[in-house]
C-alpha atoms as a PDB file:
ATOM      1  CA  MET A   1       0.580   6.849   4.186  1.00  0.00           C
ATOM      2  CA  THR A   2       3.442   9.267   4.234  1.00  0.00           C
ATOM      3  CA  HIS A   3       5.863  10.575   6.834  1.00  0.00           C
ATOM      4  CA  SER A   4       6.357  14.121   5.501  1.00  0.00           C
ATOM      5  CA  HIS A   5       4.257  16.654   7.413  1.00  0.00           C
ATOM      6  CA  GLY A   6       2.438  18.202   4.463  1.00  0.00           C
ATOM      7  CA  LEU A   7       1.401  14.946   2.867  1.00  0.00           C
ATOM      8  CA  ARG A   8       0.510  13.408   6.200  1.00  0.00           C
ATOM      9  CA  GLN A   9      -1.811  16.340   6.846  1.00  0.00           C
ATOM     10  CA  TYR A  10      -3.409  15.697   3.448  1.00  0.00           C
ATOM     11  CA  TRP A  11      -4.501  12.225   4.598  1.00  0.00           C
ATOM     12  CA  GLU A  12      -5.972  13.694   7.787  1.00  0.00           C
ATOM     13  CA  THR A  13      -8.111  16.168   5.831  1.00  0.00           C
ATOM     14  CA  THR A  14      -8.858  16.167   2.095  1.00  0.00           C
ATOM     15  CA  GLY A  15      -7.419  12.716   1.398  1.00  0.00           C
ATOM     16  CA  ALA A  16      -9.469  11.097   4.160  1.00  0.00           C
ATOM     17  CA  ALA A  17     -12.635  11.644   2.119  1.00  0.00           C
ATOM     18  CA  HIS A  18     -11.448   9.613  -0.874  1.00  0.00           C
ATOM     19  CA  THR A  19     -13.102   6.349  -1.866  1.00  0.00           C
ATOM     20  CA  PHE A  20     -10.288   3.898  -2.629  1.00  0.00           C
ATOM     21  CA  THR A  21     -10.622   1.770  -5.734  1.00  0.00           C
ATOM     22  CA  HIS A  22      -7.489  -0.420  -5.929  1.00  0.00           C
ATOM     23  CA  PRO A  23      -9.036  -3.919  -6.107  1.00  0.00           C
ATOM     24  CA  LEU A  24      -8.004  -7.127  -4.387  1.00  0.00           C
ATOM     25  CA  ASP A  25      -7.246 -10.055  -6.704  1.00  0.00           C
ATOM     26  CA  ARG A  26      -9.107 -12.712  -4.750  1.00  0.00           C
ATOM     27  CA  GLU A  27      -7.779 -15.621  -6.802  1.00  0.00           C
ATOM     28  CA  LEU A  28      -4.180 -14.532  -6.337  1.00  0.00           C
ATOM     29  CA  LEU A  29      -4.697 -13.967  -2.615  1.00  0.00           C
ATOM     30  CA  GLY A  30      -6.397 -17.327  -2.143  1.00  0.00           C
ATOM     31  CA  ARG A  31      -3.566 -19.244  -3.781  1.00  0.00           C
ATOM     32  CA  ARG A  32      -0.843 -17.484  -1.809  1.00  0.00           C
ATOM     33  CA  VAL A  33      -2.418 -16.732   1.585  1.00  0.00           C
ATOM     34  CA  PRO A  34      -4.492 -19.363   3.437  1.00  0.00           C
ATOM     35  CA  ALA A  35      -7.658 -18.402   5.283  1.00  0.00           C
ATOM     36  CA  ASP A  36      -6.105 -19.124   8.692  1.00  0.00           C
ATOM     37  CA  ALA A  37      -3.135 -16.776   8.109  1.00  0.00           C
ATOM     38  CA  ARG A  38      -2.493 -13.854  10.431  1.00  0.00           C
ATOM     39  CA  ILE A  39      -2.473 -10.859   8.067  1.00  0.00           C
ATOM     40  CA  LEU A  40      -1.322  -7.246   8.409  1.00  0.00           C
ATOM     41  CA  ASP A  41      -2.846  -4.658   6.068  1.00  0.00           C
ATOM     42  CA  TYR A  42      -0.276  -1.855   6.203  1.00  0.00           C
ATOM     43  CA  GLY A  43      -1.747   1.465   5.093  1.00  0.00           C
ATOM     44  CA  CYS A  44      -5.261   0.117   5.575  1.00  0.00           C
ATOM     45  CA  GLY A  45      -6.994   3.504   5.231  1.00  0.00           C
ATOM     46  CA  TYR A  46     -10.606   3.122   6.333  1.00  0.00           C
ATOM     47  CA  GLY A  47     -10.348  -0.680   6.339  1.00  0.00           C
ATOM     48  CA  ARG A  48     -11.757  -1.422   2.902  1.00  0.00           C
ATOM     49  CA  LEU A  49      -9.549  -4.492   2.356  1.00  0.00           C
ATOM     50  CA  VAL A  50      -9.726  -5.594   5.983  1.00  0.00           C
ATOM     51  CA  ALA A  51     -13.512  -5.692   5.562  1.00  0.00           C
ATOM     52  CA  GLU A  52     -13.254  -7.586   2.278  1.00  0.00           C
ATOM     53  CA  LEU A  53     -10.896 -10.127   3.833  1.00  0.00           C
ATOM     54  CA  ALA A  54     -13.257 -10.612   6.769  1.00  0.00           C
ATOM     55  CA  ASP A  55     -16.143 -11.154   4.382  1.00  0.00           C
ATOM     56  CA  LEU A  56     -14.027 -13.766   2.548  1.00  0.00           C
ATOM     57  CA  GLY A  57     -13.487 -15.711   5.760  1.00  0.00           C
ATOM     58  CA  TYR A  58     -10.091 -14.370   6.883  1.00  0.00           C
ATOM     59  CA  ARG A  59     -10.548 -13.964  10.637  1.00  0.00           C
ATOM     60  CA  ASP A  60      -7.139 -12.789  11.838  1.00  0.00           C
ATOM     61  CA  VAL A  61      -6.528  -9.501  10.028  1.00  0.00           C
ATOM     62  CA  GLU A  62      -5.020  -6.358  11.541  1.00  0.00           C
ATOM     63  CA  GLY A  63      -5.124  -3.000   9.759  1.00  0.00           C
ATOM     64  CA  VAL A  64      -2.832  -0.076  10.560  1.00  0.00           C
ATOM     65  CA  ASP A  65      -2.538   3.396   9.083  1.00  0.00           C
ATOM     66  CA  LEU A  66      -0.830   6.683   9.906  1.00  0.00           C
ATOM     67  CA  SER A  67      -4.047   8.606   9.257  1.00  0.00           C
ATOM     68  CA  ALA A  68      -6.148   8.863  12.407  1.00  0.00           C
ATOM     69  CA  ALA A  69      -8.958  10.359  10.308  1.00  0.00           C
ATOM     70  CA  LEU A  70      -9.107   7.382   7.960  1.00  0.00           C
ATOM     71  CA  VAL A  71      -8.982   4.892  10.829  1.00  0.00           C
ATOM     72  CA  ALA A  72     -11.759   6.749  12.653  1.00  0.00           C
ATOM     73  CA  ARG A  73     -13.857   6.623   9.483  1.00  0.00           C
ATOM     74  CA  GLY A  74     -13.272   2.884   9.203  1.00  0.00           C
ATOM     75  CA  ARG A  75     -14.162   2.218  12.825  1.00  0.00           C
ATOM     76  CA  ALA A  76     -17.403   4.145  12.408  1.00  0.00           C
ATOM     77  CA  GLU A  77     -18.316   2.203   9.255  1.00  0.00           C
ATOM     78  CA  ARG A  78     -17.231  -1.234  10.502  1.00  0.00           C
ATOM     79  CA  PRO A  79     -16.737  -1.344  14.296  1.00  0.00           C
ATOM     80  CA  ASP A  80     -16.074  -5.091  14.119  1.00  0.00           C
ATOM     81  CA  LEU A  81     -12.740  -4.580  12.310  1.00  0.00           C
ATOM     82  CA  ARG A  82      -9.334  -4.347  13.995  1.00  0.00           C
ATOM     83  CA  LEU A  83      -8.016  -1.004  12.777  1.00  0.00           C
ATOM     84  CA  SER A  84      -5.347   1.084  14.499  1.00  0.00           C
ATOM     85  CA  ALA A  85      -3.815   4.492  13.891  1.00  0.00           C
ATOM     86  CA  VAL A  86      -0.038   4.417  14.429  1.00  0.00           C
ATOM     87  CA  ALA A  87       2.403   7.260  14.960  1.00  0.00           C
ATOM     88  CA  GLY A  88       5.070   5.879  12.636  1.00  0.00           C
ATOM     89  CA  LEU A  89       7.685   3.154  12.406  1.00  0.00           C
ATOM     90  CA  PRO A  90       8.469   0.761  13.953  1.00  0.00           C
ATOM     91  CA  LEU A  91       5.042  -0.760  14.432  1.00  0.00           C
ATOM     92  CA  PRO A  92       4.098  -2.148  17.858  1.00  0.00           C
ATOM     93  CA  PHE A  93       4.381  -5.838  16.950  1.00  0.00           C
ATOM     94  CA  PRO A  94       7.165  -8.368  17.615  1.00  0.00           C
ATOM     95  CA  ASP A  95       9.366  -9.705  14.836  1.00  0.00           C
ATOM     96  CA  GLY A  96       7.682 -12.342  12.673  1.00  0.00           C
ATOM     97  CA  SER A  97       4.196 -11.593  14.028  1.00  0.00           C
ATOM     98  CA  PHE A  98       2.400 -12.116  10.727  1.00  0.00           C
ATOM     99  CA  ASP A  99       2.087 -14.851   8.119  1.00  0.00           C
ATOM    100  CA  ALA A 100       1.382 -12.283   5.404  1.00  0.00           C
ATOM    101  CA  ALA A 101       1.168  -8.557   4.794  1.00  0.00           C
ATOM    102  CA  LEU A 102      -0.738  -6.469   2.267  1.00  0.00           C
ATOM    103  CA  LEU A 103       0.685  -3.261   0.812  1.00  0.00           C
ATOM    104  CA  PHE A 104      -2.030  -1.916  -1.474  1.00  0.00           C
ATOM    105  CA  ALA A 105      -1.541   1.425  -3.252  1.00  0.00           C
ATOM    106  CA  VAL A 106       0.557   2.575  -0.305  1.00  0.00           C
ATOM    107  CA  LEU A 107       3.885   3.268  -1.979  1.00  0.00           C
ATOM    108  CA  THR A 108       2.106   5.467  -4.515  1.00  0.00           C
ATOM    109  CA  CYS A 109       1.183   7.687  -1.535  1.00  0.00           C
ATOM    110  CA  VAL A 110       4.781   7.667  -0.250  1.00  0.00           C
ATOM    111  CA  PRO A 111       6.895   9.568  -2.790  1.00  0.00           C
ATOM    112  CA  GLU A 112      10.050   9.700  -0.651  1.00  0.00           C
ATOM    113  CA  GLU A 113      12.647   7.054  -1.501  1.00  0.00           C
ATOM    114  CA  GLU A 114      13.800   6.590   2.092  1.00  0.00           C
ATOM    115  CA  THR A 115      10.246   6.150   3.392  1.00  0.00           C
ATOM    116  CA  GLN A 116       9.477   3.501   0.783  1.00  0.00           C
ATOM    117  CA  ALA A 117      12.616   1.598   1.774  1.00  0.00           C
ATOM    118  CA  ALA A 118      11.830   1.934   5.492  1.00  0.00           C
ATOM    119  CA  THR A 119       8.297   0.651   4.914  1.00  0.00           C
ATOM    120  CA  LEU A 120       9.505  -2.503   3.185  1.00  0.00           C
ATOM    121  CA  THR A 121      12.227  -3.080   5.778  1.00  0.00           C
ATOM    122  CA  GLU A 122       9.618  -2.894   8.539  1.00  0.00           C
ATOM    123  CA  LEU A 123       7.329  -5.330   6.747  1.00  0.00           C
ATOM    124  CA  ALA A 124      10.257  -7.723   6.334  1.00  0.00           C
ATOM    125  CA  ARG A 125      10.696  -7.581  10.114  1.00  0.00           C
ATOM    126  CA  LEU A 126       7.035  -8.299  10.768  1.00  0.00           C
ATOM    127  CA  VAL A 127       6.440 -11.093   8.232  1.00  0.00           C
ATOM    128  CA  ARG A 128       7.767 -14.449   9.402  1.00  0.00           C
ATOM    129  CA  PRO A 129      10.379 -16.270   7.292  1.00  0.00           C
ATOM    130  CA  GLY A 130       8.524 -18.029   4.490  1.00  0.00           C
ATOM    131  CA  GLY A 131       5.564 -15.670   4.809  1.00  0.00           C
ATOM    132  CA  ALA A 132       4.155 -13.545   2.003  1.00  0.00           C
ATOM    133  CA  LEU A 133       4.002  -9.886   1.061  1.00  0.00           C
ATOM    134  CA  TYR A 134       1.252  -9.077  -1.428  1.00  0.00           C
ATOM    135  CA  LEU A 135       2.131  -5.704  -2.957  1.00  0.00           C
ATOM    136  CA  SER A 136      -0.086  -3.937  -5.455  1.00  0.00           C
ATOM    137  CA  ASP A 137       0.797  -0.511  -6.804  1.00  0.00           C
ATOM    138  CA  VAL A 138       0.935   1.686  -9.884  1.00  0.00           C
ATOM    139  CA  PRO A 139       3.988   1.497 -12.146  1.00  0.00           C
ATOM    140  CA  LEU A 140       5.086   4.274 -14.464  1.00  0.00           C
ATOM    141  CA  GLN A 141       2.466   4.789 -17.160  1.00  0.00           C
ATOM    142  CA  SER A 142       3.135   5.493 -20.830  1.00  0.00           C
ATOM    143  CA  ASP A 143      -0.047   7.287 -21.940  1.00  0.00           C
ATOM    144  CA  LYS A 144      -0.015  10.981 -22.863  1.00  0.00           C
ATOM    145  CA  ARG A 145      -2.029  12.073 -19.830  1.00  0.00           C
ATOM    146  CA  HIS A 146       0.414  10.599 -17.349  1.00  0.00           C
ATOM    147  CA  LEU A 147       3.518  11.623 -19.274  1.00  0.00           C
ATOM    148  CA  ALA A 148       2.239  15.195 -19.098  1.00  0.00           C
ATOM    149  CA  ARG A 149       1.630  14.821 -15.355  1.00  0.00           C
ATOM    150  CA  TYR A 150       5.158  13.547 -14.762  1.00  0.00           C
ATOM    151  CA  ARG A 151       6.493  16.543 -16.675  1.00  0.00           C
ATOM    152  CA  GLU A 152       4.166  19.385 -15.682  1.00  0.00           C
ATOM    153  CA  ALA A 153       2.951  18.451 -12.163  1.00  0.00           C
ATOM    154  CA  ARG A 154       6.249  17.159 -10.820  1.00  0.00           C
ATOM    155  CA  PRO A 155       7.254  18.990  -7.616  1.00  0.00           C
ATOM    156  CA  ASP A 156      10.696  20.594  -7.600  1.00  0.00           C
ATOM    157  CA  GLY A 157      13.408  18.052  -6.859  1.00  0.00           C
ATOM    158  CA  ALA A 158      11.049  15.075  -6.920  1.00  0.00           C
ATOM    159  CA  ALA A 159      11.886  11.800  -8.623  1.00  0.00           C
ATOM    160  CA  TYR A 160      10.482  11.050 -12.062  1.00  0.00           C
ATOM    161  CA  GLY A 161       6.958   9.667 -11.688  1.00  0.00           C
ATOM    162  CA  VAL A 162       6.042  11.926  -8.753  1.00  0.00           C
ATOM    163  CA  PHE A 163       3.155  14.319  -9.437  1.00  0.00           C
ATOM    164  CA  ALA A 164       0.755  16.573  -7.559  1.00  0.00           C
ATOM    165  CA  ILE A 165      -2.999  16.680  -8.080  1.00  0.00           C
ATOM    166  CA  ALA A 166      -5.340  19.644  -7.771  1.00  0.00           C
ATOM    167  CA  ASP A 167      -6.572  18.914  -4.236  1.00  0.00           C
ATOM    168  CA  GLY A 168      -3.041  18.882  -2.781  1.00  0.00           C
ATOM    169  CA  GLY A 169      -2.233  15.187  -2.922  1.00  0.00           C
ATOM    170  CA  VAL A 170       1.189  14.045  -4.136  1.00  0.00           C
ATOM    171  CA  PHE A 171       1.589  10.586  -5.627  1.00  0.00           C
ATOM    172  CA  ARG A 172       4.337   8.465  -7.132  1.00  0.00           C
ATOM    173  CA  HIS A 173       4.211   5.896  -9.890  1.00  0.00           C
ATOM    174  CA  GLN A 174       6.883   3.249  -9.500  1.00  0.00           C
ATOM    175  CA  ASP A 175       9.749   2.103 -11.682  1.00  0.00           C
ATOM    176  CA  PRO A 176       9.120  -1.683 -11.590  1.00  0.00           C
ATOM    177  CA  GLU A 177      12.817  -2.543 -11.663  1.00  0.00           C
ATOM    178  CA  ARG A 178      13.480  -0.229  -8.720  1.00  0.00           C
ATOM    179  CA  LEU A 179      10.493  -1.715  -6.885  1.00  0.00           C
ATOM    180  CA  ARG A 180      11.774  -5.262  -7.329  1.00  0.00           C
ATOM    181  CA  GLY A 181      15.179  -4.109  -6.091  1.00  0.00           C
ATOM    182  CA  LEU A 182      13.631  -2.562  -2.978  1.00  0.00           C
ATOM    183  CA  LEU A 183      11.873  -5.831  -2.221  1.00  0.00           C
ATOM    184  CA  GLU A 184      15.017  -7.888  -2.648  1.00  0.00           C
ATOM    185  CA  ARG A 185      17.145  -5.577  -0.534  1.00  0.00           C
ATOM    186  CA  SER A 186      14.503  -5.725   2.195  1.00  0.00           C
ATOM    187  CA  GLY A 187      14.622  -9.510   2.349  1.00  0.00           C
ATOM    188  CA  PHE A 188      11.808 -10.548   0.013  1.00  0.00           C
ATOM    189  CA  GLU A 189      11.981 -12.844  -3.016  1.00  0.00           C
ATOM    190  CA  VAL A 190       9.448 -12.092  -5.782  1.00  0.00           C
ATOM    191  CA  ALA A 191       7.447 -15.248  -6.512  1.00  0.00           C
ATOM    192  CA  GLU A 192       4.774 -13.949  -8.889  1.00  0.00           C
ATOM    193  CA  GLU A 193       4.030 -10.815 -10.885  1.00  0.00           C
ATOM    194  CA  ARG A 194       0.813  -9.746 -12.601  1.00  0.00           C
ATOM    195  CA  ARG A 195      -0.422  -6.650 -14.432  1.00  0.00           C
ATOM    196  CA  ASP A 196      -3.951  -5.542 -15.178  1.00  0.00           C
ATOM    197  CA  GLU A 197      -6.095  -2.439 -15.600  1.00  0.00           C
ATOM    198  CA  VAL A 198      -7.718  -0.895 -12.524  1.00  0.00           C
ATOM    199  CA  PRO A 199      -9.760   2.236 -11.724  1.00  0.00           C
ATOM    200  CA  THR A 200      -8.195   5.289 -10.088  1.00  0.00           C
ATOM    201  CA  LEU A 201      -9.448   7.772  -7.488  1.00  0.00           C
ATOM    202  CA  ASP A 202     -10.280  10.286 -10.216  1.00  0.00           C
ATOM    203  CA  GLY A 203     -12.343   7.960 -12.410  1.00  0.00           C
ATOM    204  CA  HIS A 204      -9.644   7.022 -14.928  1.00  0.00           C
ATOM    205  CA  THR A 205      -7.819   3.709 -15.319  1.00  0.00           C
ATOM    206  CA  VAL A 206      -4.182   2.718 -14.960  1.00  0.00           C
ATOM    207  CA  THR A 207      -2.106  -0.378 -15.440  1.00  0.00           C
ATOM    208  CA  ARG A 208      -1.174  -1.764 -12.045  1.00  0.00           C
ATOM    209  CA  ILE A 209       1.554  -4.149 -10.974  1.00  0.00           C
ATOM    210  CA  GLN A 210       0.956  -6.916  -8.431  1.00  0.00           C
ATOM    211  CA  LEU A 211       3.940  -8.595  -6.822  1.00  0.00           C
ATOM    212  CA  VAL A 212       3.682 -11.501  -4.413  1.00  0.00           C
ATOM    213  CA  ALA A 213       6.975 -11.923  -2.595  1.00  0.00           C
ATOM    214  CA  ARG A 214       8.190 -14.519  -0.116  1.00  0.00           C
ATOM    215  CA  ARG A 215      10.034 -13.493   3.034  1.00  0.00           C
ATOM    216  CA  ALA A 216      13.450 -15.085   2.802  1.00  0.00           C
ATOM    217  CA  SER A 217      14.591 -17.303   5.670  1.00  0.00           C
END
């Protein structure tokens, strides 16, 4: 999800054909989010995680995304899921509507600093005090391939870790310290952090960072 016109158009066209690969850590989810929780999947795409949650027995899951094309794809594939295309922020839910929210590989698609901050502020509004935010994203990588990307495919004026790919997509890998700071300033307290290796859209692997944060009272 992104708010800039060019990148938003990407997710309505070329990007809407991608098969997403960022996996759910079922054990981590199960320990932190009970099966009866009301869950928001923000940046749900075509509903891949909403479907997985439903198959795991989570019955109150809402998915939202800015891409109408991705949501339409998800509705066609799984008409039983609750997926909605939204115009932007704020989302059409009252404060504290959800027990938990998922933010999976969304910030990597949102290179703009202000949009990342606005996203987390909105999720802090929607998650009830004491509720959970389960964030999974890609931190800055240290391998030669990604260092070259950060150097050679970085758009003019973009932050370090932002890079463009051949089909027109622009992505951002996160500084973990900055990410933790964004969470804290938005009203979340990090309760657990994990790292592991996961597949990417282009068939490679990256180290990912998973942060489970509690909404402060």
